[in-house]
Amino acid sequence: MKSWKQIGLLSSCLFLLPLSADSCRTTCVEVDPCVDPCAEQNRNSFKIRGAAFFPQGSLTKRIYGKVWPEGSLEYNYRFADHFSLFVNGAVTGKKGHSIGLRHSTNIVLVPLTIGINARFGSSWVHPYLGIGVGGAYAHITNHSSFVKRHTNYGGFASLFQIGVELDCNSWIFIDLFGDYRWNYFSFNRHPSRQTGGFDVGAGLGFRF
């Protein structure tokens, strides 16, 4: 007799399991066919991004070139329907040659910004705009006996974002973006905005 009860209980569980898995989707259709509440419950997201950075300063381009590789990581917390707080950390750098004597030199830039972005759209396409401020670090290595070999600088950083997120499912998405970075350093006591510029790239994101 007990075995029949166990078989009945097991059958009920197997029958209800797919219904519970689809319950969130069912709610989605009943509330709004264009909004997925399963995805809306995921207020956190994390992005891994790669880009081509185009420095704006003419002197920087002459020394280090016109295109640099850039990688960045970004965390977002959605505190309202269309607004999120973000933390963005990036690293970019390039080898170059000094003007005149053509000595080898390397530069590495690490900006870290905190800001807010607005995310729009519905269904699986979400355009967004963002703005952030923070600090930046620069490390320059010169292969010359005439100048200091290793030099470190601290400065100010800002970030302006525009992009679009394309949902693959409720927790994975692709990020296509074009950003503008405005960095401000005091190189040898001379204020400089030579390290700012545009970056264009793509990334992979995860919502949780």
C-alpha atoms as a PDB file:
ATOM      1  CA  MET A   1       0.000   0.000   0.000  1.00  0.00           C
ATOM      2  CA  LYS A   2       2.853   2.320   0.874  1.00  0.00           C
ATOM      3  CA  SER A   3       4.507   1.652  -2.475  1.00  0.00           C
ATOM      4  CA  TRP A   4       1.379   2.865  -4.320  1.00  0.00           C
ATOM      5  CA  LYS A   5       1.378   6.063  -2.251  1.00  0.00           C
ATOM      6  CA  GLN A   6       5.061   6.616  -3.040  1.00  0.00           C
ATOM      7  CA  ILE A   7       4.454   6.069  -6.756  1.00  0.00           C
ATOM      8  CA  GLY A   8       1.535   8.522  -6.680  1.00  0.00           C
ATOM      9  CA  LEU A   9       3.589  11.145  -4.850  1.00  0.00           C
ATOM     10  CA  LEU A  10       6.478  10.751  -7.285  1.00  0.00           C
ATOM     11  CA  SER A  11       4.121  11.037 -10.275  1.00  0.00           C
ATOM     12  CA  SER A  12       2.644  14.251  -8.858  1.00  0.00           C
ATOM     13  CA  CYS A  13       6.128  15.752  -8.420  1.00  0.00           C
ATOM     14  CA  LEU A  14       7.128  14.865 -11.959  1.00  0.00           C
ATOM     15  CA  PHE A  15       3.894  16.410 -13.266  1.00  0.00           C
ATOM     16  CA  LEU A  16       4.278  19.654 -11.288  1.00  0.00           C
ATOM     17  CA  LEU A  17       8.000  20.141 -12.000  1.00  0.00           C
ATOM     18  CA  PRO A  18       7.653  21.484 -15.574  1.00  0.00           C
ATOM     19  CA  LEU A  19       4.716  23.651 -14.503  1.00  0.00           C
ATOM     20  CA  SER A  20       6.802  25.299 -11.785  1.00  0.00           C
ATOM     21  CA  ALA A  21       9.676  25.841 -14.222  1.00  0.00           C
ATOM     22  CA  ASP A  22       7.332  27.619 -16.647  1.00  0.00           C
ATOM     23  CA  SER A  23       5.475  29.617 -13.992  1.00  0.00           C
ATOM     24  CA  CYS A  24       7.706  32.650 -14.393  1.00  0.00           C
ATOM     25  CA  ARG A  25       7.249  32.607 -18.184  1.00  0.00           C
ATOM     26  CA  THR A  26       3.489  32.271 -17.741  1.00  0.00           C
ATOM     27  CA  THR A  27       3.477  35.333 -15.480  1.00  0.00           C
ATOM     28  CA  CYS A  28       5.453  37.166 -18.159  1.00  0.00           C
ATOM     29  CA  VAL A  29       2.765  36.594 -20.793  1.00  0.00           C
ATOM     30  CA  GLU A  30      -0.042  37.505 -18.424  1.00  0.00           C
ATOM     31  CA  VAL A  31       1.590  40.772 -17.270  1.00  0.00           C
ATOM     32  CA  ASP A  32       3.294  42.043 -20.440  1.00  0.00           C
ATOM     33  CA  PRO A  33       4.252  39.945 -23.490  1.00  0.00           C
ATOM     34  CA  CYS A  34       7.280  42.194 -24.122  1.00  0.00           C
ATOM     35  CA  VAL A  35       8.775  42.012 -20.606  1.00  0.00           C
ATOM     36  CA  ASP A  36      10.339  38.975 -19.016  1.00  0.00           C
ATOM     37  CA  PRO A  37       9.890  39.099 -15.202  1.00  0.00           C
ATOM     38  CA  CYS A  38      12.526  36.377 -14.847  1.00  0.00           C
ATOM     39  CA  ALA A  39      15.046  38.769 -16.377  1.00  0.00           C
ATOM     40  CA  GLU A  40      13.634  41.724 -14.422  1.00  0.00           C
ATOM     41  CA  GLN A  41      14.364  39.923 -11.161  1.00  0.00           C
ATOM     42  CA  ASN A  42      18.086  39.951 -12.040  1.00  0.00           C
ATOM     43  CA  ARG A  43      19.155  43.325 -10.694  1.00  0.00           C
ATOM     44  CA  ASN A  44      22.906  42.654 -10.932  1.00  0.00           C
ATOM     45  CA  SER A  45      24.981  42.342 -14.085  1.00  0.00           C
ATOM     46  CA  PHE A  46      28.647  41.874 -14.896  1.00  0.00           C
ATOM     47  CA  LYS A  47      30.330  42.659 -18.222  1.00  0.00           C
ATOM     48  CA  ILE A  48      33.640  41.548 -19.733  1.00  0.00           C
ATOM     49  CA  ARG A  49      34.505  43.964 -22.548  1.00  0.00           C
ATOM     50  CA  GLY A  50      37.177  44.439 -25.204  1.00  0.00           C
ATOM     51  CA  ALA A  51      37.649  47.556 -27.315  1.00  0.00           C
ATOM     52  CA  ALA A  52      39.844  49.600 -29.627  1.00  0.00           C
ATOM     53  CA  PHE A  53      40.873  52.852 -27.937  1.00  0.00           C
ATOM     54  CA  PHE A  54      41.525  55.938 -30.076  1.00  0.00           C
ATOM     55  CA  PRO A  55      43.456  58.591 -28.099  1.00  0.00           C
ATOM     56  CA  GLN A  56      42.461  62.155 -28.824  1.00  0.00           C
ATOM     57  CA  GLY A  57      45.728  63.975 -28.011  1.00  0.00           C
ATOM     58  CA  SER A  58      47.905  64.720 -31.030  1.00  0.00           C
ATOM     59  CA  LEU A  59      51.141  64.288 -29.045  1.00  0.00           C
ATOM     60  CA  THR A  60      49.958  60.966 -27.614  1.00  0.00           C
ATOM     61  CA  LYS A  61      49.130  59.674 -31.093  1.00  0.00           C
ATOM     62  CA  ARG A  62      52.555  60.732 -32.406  1.00  0.00           C
ATOM     63  CA  ILE A  63      54.370  58.873 -29.620  1.00  0.00           C
ATOM     64  CA  TYR A  64      52.206  55.792 -29.058  1.00  0.00           C
ATOM     65  CA  GLY A  65      50.067  55.416 -32.175  1.00  0.00           C
ATOM     66  CA  LYS A  66      46.450  56.012 -33.108  1.00  0.00           C
ATOM     67  CA  VAL A  67      44.842  52.759 -31.923  1.00  0.00           C
ATOM     68  CA  TRP A  68      45.394  50.986 -28.580  1.00  0.00           C
ATOM     69  CA  PRO A  69      43.899  47.726 -27.252  1.00  0.00           C
ATOM     70  CA  GLU A  70      41.652  48.104 -24.210  1.00  0.00           C
ATOM     71  CA  GLY A  71      40.002  45.693 -21.809  1.00  0.00           C
ATOM     72  CA  SER A  72      37.453  46.531 -19.131  1.00  0.00           C
ATOM     73  CA  LEU A  73      35.220  44.997 -16.488  1.00  0.00           C
ATOM     74  CA  GLU A  74      31.939  46.542 -15.374  1.00  0.00           C
ATOM     75  CA  TYR A  75      29.459  45.795 -12.605  1.00  0.00           C
ATOM     76  CA  ASN A  76      25.914  47.209 -12.684  1.00  0.00           C
ATOM     77  CA  TYR A  77      23.227  47.285 -10.001  1.00  0.00           C
ATOM     78  CA  ARG A  78      19.724  48.178 -11.218  1.00  0.00           C
ATOM     79  CA  PHE A  79      18.048  50.167  -8.439  1.00  0.00           C
ATOM     80  CA  ALA A  80      15.023  51.306 -10.506  1.00  0.00           C
ATOM     81  CA  ASP A  81      13.164  50.181 -13.628  1.00  0.00           C
ATOM     82  CA  HIS A  82      15.505  51.979 -16.048  1.00  0.00           C
ATOM     83  CA  PHE A  83      18.437  53.161 -13.919  1.00  0.00           C
ATOM     84  CA  SER A  84      21.579  51.417 -12.682  1.00  0.00           C
ATOM     85  CA  LEU A  85      24.685  52.267 -10.709  1.00  0.00           C
ATOM     86  CA  PHE A  86      27.904  51.029 -12.323  1.00  0.00           C
ATOM     87  CA  VAL A  87      31.574  50.573 -11.520  1.00  0.00           C
ATOM     88  CA  ASN A  88      33.877  50.412 -14.548  1.00  0.00           C
ATOM     89  CA  GLY A  89      37.557  49.524 -14.463  1.00  0.00           C
ATOM     90  CA  ALA A  90      39.663  49.508 -17.622  1.00  0.00           C
ATOM     91  CA  VAL A  91      43.251  49.028 -18.692  1.00  0.00           C
ATOM     92  CA  THR A  92      44.882  50.155 -21.917  1.00  0.00           C
ATOM     93  CA  GLY A  93      48.453  50.706 -23.027  1.00  0.00           C
ATOM     94  CA  LYS A  94      50.808  50.895 -25.954  1.00  0.00           C
ATOM     95  CA  LYS A  95      54.480  50.819 -26.913  1.00  0.00           C
ATOM     96  CA  GLY A  96      55.866  53.842 -28.718  1.00  0.00           C
ATOM     97  CA  HIS A  97      58.916  55.955 -29.501  1.00  0.00           C
ATOM     98  CA  SER A  98      59.893  59.369 -28.204  1.00  0.00           C
ATOM     99  CA  ILE A  99      59.901  62.242 -30.656  1.00  0.00           C
ATOM    100  CA  GLY A 100      63.349  63.144 -31.950  1.00  0.00           C
ATOM    101  CA  LEU A 101      65.751  60.536 -30.525  1.00  0.00           C
ATOM    102  CA  ARG A 102      63.227  57.728 -31.063  1.00  0.00           C
ATOM    103  CA  HIS A 103      63.847  56.008 -27.737  1.00  0.00           C
ATOM    104  CA  SER A 104      61.408  53.234 -26.854  1.00  0.00           C
ATOM    105  CA  THR A 105      58.679  54.095 -24.342  1.00  0.00           C
ATOM    106  CA  ASN A 106      55.636  52.290 -22.902  1.00  0.00           C
ATOM    107  CA  ILE A 107      52.470  53.672 -21.320  1.00  0.00           C
ATOM    108  CA  VAL A 108      49.739  51.924 -19.289  1.00  0.00           C
ATOM    109  CA  LEU A 109      46.502  53.675 -18.276  1.00  0.00           C
ATOM    110  CA  VAL A 110      44.094  52.334 -15.648  1.00  0.00           C
ATOM    111  CA  PRO A 111      40.928  54.456 -15.206  1.00  0.00           C
ATOM    112  CA  LEU A 112      38.316  53.526 -12.581  1.00  0.00           C
ATOM    113  CA  THR A 113      34.911  55.246 -12.721  1.00  0.00           C
ATOM    114  CA  ILE A 114      31.645  55.099 -10.771  1.00  0.00           C
ATOM    115  CA  GLY A 115      28.452  56.396 -12.294  1.00  0.00           C
ATOM    116  CA  ILE A 116      24.857  55.922 -13.341  1.00  0.00           C
ATOM    117  CA  ASN A 117      23.287  54.744 -16.590  1.00  0.00           C
ATOM    118  CA  ALA A 118      19.798  54.712 -18.037  1.00  0.00           C
ATOM    119  CA  ARG A 119      18.641  51.569 -19.834  1.00  0.00           C
ATOM    120  CA  PHE A 120      15.681  51.622 -22.212  1.00  0.00           C
ATOM    121  CA  GLY A 121      13.888  49.271 -24.575  1.00  0.00           C
ATOM    122  CA  SER A 122      11.904  46.106 -24.064  1.00  0.00           C
ATOM    123  CA  SER A 123      11.958  42.493 -25.163  1.00  0.00           C
ATOM    124  CA  TRP A 124      15.615  41.632 -25.976  1.00  0.00           C
ATOM    125  CA  VAL A 125      17.077  44.982 -27.180  1.00  0.00           C
ATOM    126  CA  HIS A 126      18.120  47.552 -24.537  1.00  0.00           C
ATOM    127  CA  PRO A 127      19.867  50.806 -25.575  1.00  0.00           C
ATOM    128  CA  TYR A 128      21.600  52.656 -22.728  1.00  0.00           C
ATOM    129  CA  LEU A 129      23.400  55.902 -21.844  1.00  0.00           C
ATOM    130  CA  GLY A 130      25.732  56.462 -18.917  1.00  0.00           C
ATOM    131  CA  ILE A 131      28.069  58.912 -17.221  1.00  0.00           C
ATOM    132  CA  GLY A 132      30.672  58.349 -14.519  1.00  0.00           C
ATOM    133  CA  VAL A 133      33.594  59.979 -12.714  1.00  0.00           C
ATOM    134  CA  GLY A 134      36.571  58.634 -10.806  1.00  0.00           C
ATOM    135  CA  GLY A 135      40.338  58.366 -10.751  1.00  0.00           C
ATOM    136  CA  ALA A 136      43.024  57.203 -13.158  1.00  0.00           C
ATOM    137  CA  TYR A 137      46.528  55.803 -12.891  1.00  0.00           C
ATOM    138  CA  ALA A 138      49.264  56.114 -15.508  1.00  0.00           C
ATOM    139  CA  HIS A 139      52.587  54.265 -15.626  1.00  0.00           C
ATOM    140  CA  ILE A 140      55.223  55.312 -18.163  1.00  0.00           C
ATOM    141  CA  THR A 141      58.433  53.386 -18.831  1.00  0.00           C
ATOM    142  CA  ASN A 142      61.177  55.174 -20.795  1.00  0.00           C
ATOM    143  CA  HIS A 143      64.123  53.299 -22.299  1.00  0.00           C
ATOM    144  CA  SER A 144      66.438  56.297 -22.290  1.00  0.00           C
ATOM    145  CA  SER A 145      69.269  57.519 -20.046  1.00  0.00           C
ATOM    146  CA  PHE A 146      68.076  61.143 -20.380  1.00  0.00           C
ATOM    147  CA  VAL A 147      64.795  60.784 -18.480  1.00  0.00           C
ATOM    148  CA  LYS A 148      63.502  58.892 -15.470  1.00  0.00           C
ATOM    149  CA  ARG A 149      62.928  55.267 -16.405  1.00  0.00           C
ATOM    150  CA  HIS A 150      59.716  54.563 -14.437  1.00  0.00           C
ATOM    151  CA  THR A 151      57.152  57.280 -13.712  1.00  0.00           C
ATOM    152  CA  ASN A 152      53.762  56.948 -12.034  1.00  0.00           C
ATOM    153  CA  TYR A 153      50.940  59.492 -12.122  1.00  0.00           C
ATOM    154  CA  GLY A 154      47.542  59.809 -10.508  1.00  0.00           C
ATOM    155  CA  GLY A 155      44.759  61.785 -12.111  1.00  0.00           C
ATOM    156  CA  PHE A 156      41.073  62.366 -12.730  1.00  0.00           C
ATOM    157  CA  ALA A 157      38.897  60.221 -15.005  1.00  0.00           C
ATOM    158  CA  SER A 158      35.418  60.505 -16.451  1.00  0.00           C
ATOM    159  CA  LEU A 159      33.410  58.223 -18.709  1.00  0.00           C
ATOM    160  CA  PHE A 160      30.510  58.811 -21.109  1.00  0.00           C
ATOM    161  CA  GLN A 161      28.742  55.673 -22.322  1.00  0.00           C
ATOM    162  CA  ILE A 162      26.437  54.828 -25.203  1.00  0.00           C
ATOM    163  CA  GLY A 163      25.576  51.292 -26.223  1.00  0.00           C
ATOM    164  CA  VAL A 164      23.023  48.542 -26.615  1.00  0.00           C
ATOM    165  CA  GLU A 165      22.544  45.242 -24.789  1.00  0.00           C
ATOM    166  CA  LEU A 166      21.206  42.297 -26.812  1.00  0.00           C
ATOM    167  CA  ASP A 167      19.687  39.545 -24.668  1.00  0.00           C
ATOM    168  CA  CYS A 168      20.555  35.947 -25.539  1.00  0.00           C
ATOM    169  CA  ASN A 169      18.317  34.707 -22.719  1.00  0.00           C
ATOM    170  CA  SER A 170      17.241  35.942 -19.270  1.00  0.00           C
ATOM    171  CA  TRP A 171      20.804  35.962 -17.891  1.00  0.00           C
ATOM    172  CA  ILE A 172      23.298  36.218 -20.811  1.00  0.00           C
ATOM    173  CA  PHE A 173      23.586  39.222 -23.131  1.00  0.00           C
ATOM    174  CA  ILE A 174      25.934  40.850 -25.654  1.00  0.00           C
ATOM    175  CA  ASP A 175      27.092  44.422 -25.087  1.00  0.00           C
ATOM    176  CA  LEU A 176      27.930  46.686 -28.057  1.00  0.00           C
ATOM    177  CA  PHE A 177      29.272  50.087 -27.016  1.00  0.00           C
ATOM    178  CA  GLY A 178      31.073  53.300 -27.900  1.00  0.00           C
ATOM    179  CA  ASP A 179      32.534  55.247 -24.951  1.00  0.00           C
ATOM    180  CA  TYR A 180      34.412  58.485 -24.477  1.00  0.00           C
ATOM    181  CA  ARG A 181      37.043  58.677 -21.738  1.00  0.00           C
ATOM    182  CA  TRP A 182      38.284  62.039 -20.475  1.00  0.00           C
ATOM    183  CA  ASN A 183      41.483  61.623 -18.423  1.00  0.00           C
ATOM    184  CA  TYR A 184      43.329  64.474 -16.727  1.00  0.00           C
ATOM    185  CA  PHE A 185      46.901  64.123 -15.444  1.00  0.00           C
ATOM    186  CA  SER A 186      49.604  66.510 -14.315  1.00  0.00           C
ATOM    187  CA  PHE A 187      52.639  65.221 -16.221  1.00  0.00           C
ATOM    188  CA  ASN A 188      55.763  66.798 -14.701  1.00  0.00           C
ATOM    189  CA  ARG A 189      53.565  69.520 -13.164  1.00  0.00           C
ATOM    190  CA  HIS A 190      52.041  70.326 -16.548  1.00  0.00           C
ATOM    191  CA  PRO A 191      48.268  69.631 -16.734  1.00  0.00           C
ATOM    192  CA  SER A 192      47.419  67.383 -19.668  1.00  0.00           C
ATOM    193  CA  ARG A 193      44.314  65.918 -21.274  1.00  0.00           C
ATOM    194  CA  GLN A 194      46.358  64.044 -23.881  1.00  0.00           C
ATOM    195  CA  THR A 195      45.253  60.582 -22.722  1.00  0.00           C
ATOM    196  CA  GLY A 196      41.504  60.958 -23.298  1.00  0.00           C
ATOM    197  CA  GLY A 197      39.760  59.465 -26.293  1.00  0.00           C
ATOM    198  CA  PHE A 198      37.105  57.204 -27.757  1.00  0.00           C
ATOM    199  CA  ASP A 199      36.746  53.440 -27.544  1.00  0.00           C
ATOM    200  CA  VAL A 200      34.548  51.124 -29.579  1.00  0.00           C
ATOM    201  CA  GLY A 201      34.014  47.491 -28.735  1.00  0.00           C
ATOM    202  CA  ALA A 202      31.876  44.580 -27.619  1.00  0.00           C
ATOM    203  CA  GLY A 203      31.490  42.447 -24.550  1.00  0.00           C
ATOM    204  CA  LEU A 204      29.710  39.536 -22.903  1.00  0.00           C
ATOM    205  CA  GLY A 205      27.429  40.154 -19.947  1.00  0.00           C
ATOM    206  CA  PHE A 206      25.775  38.062 -17.241  1.00  0.00           C
ATOM    207  CA  ARG A 207      22.717  38.987 -15.167  1.00  0.00           C
ATOM    208  CA  PHE A 208      22.126  37.461 -11.750  1.00  0.00           C
END
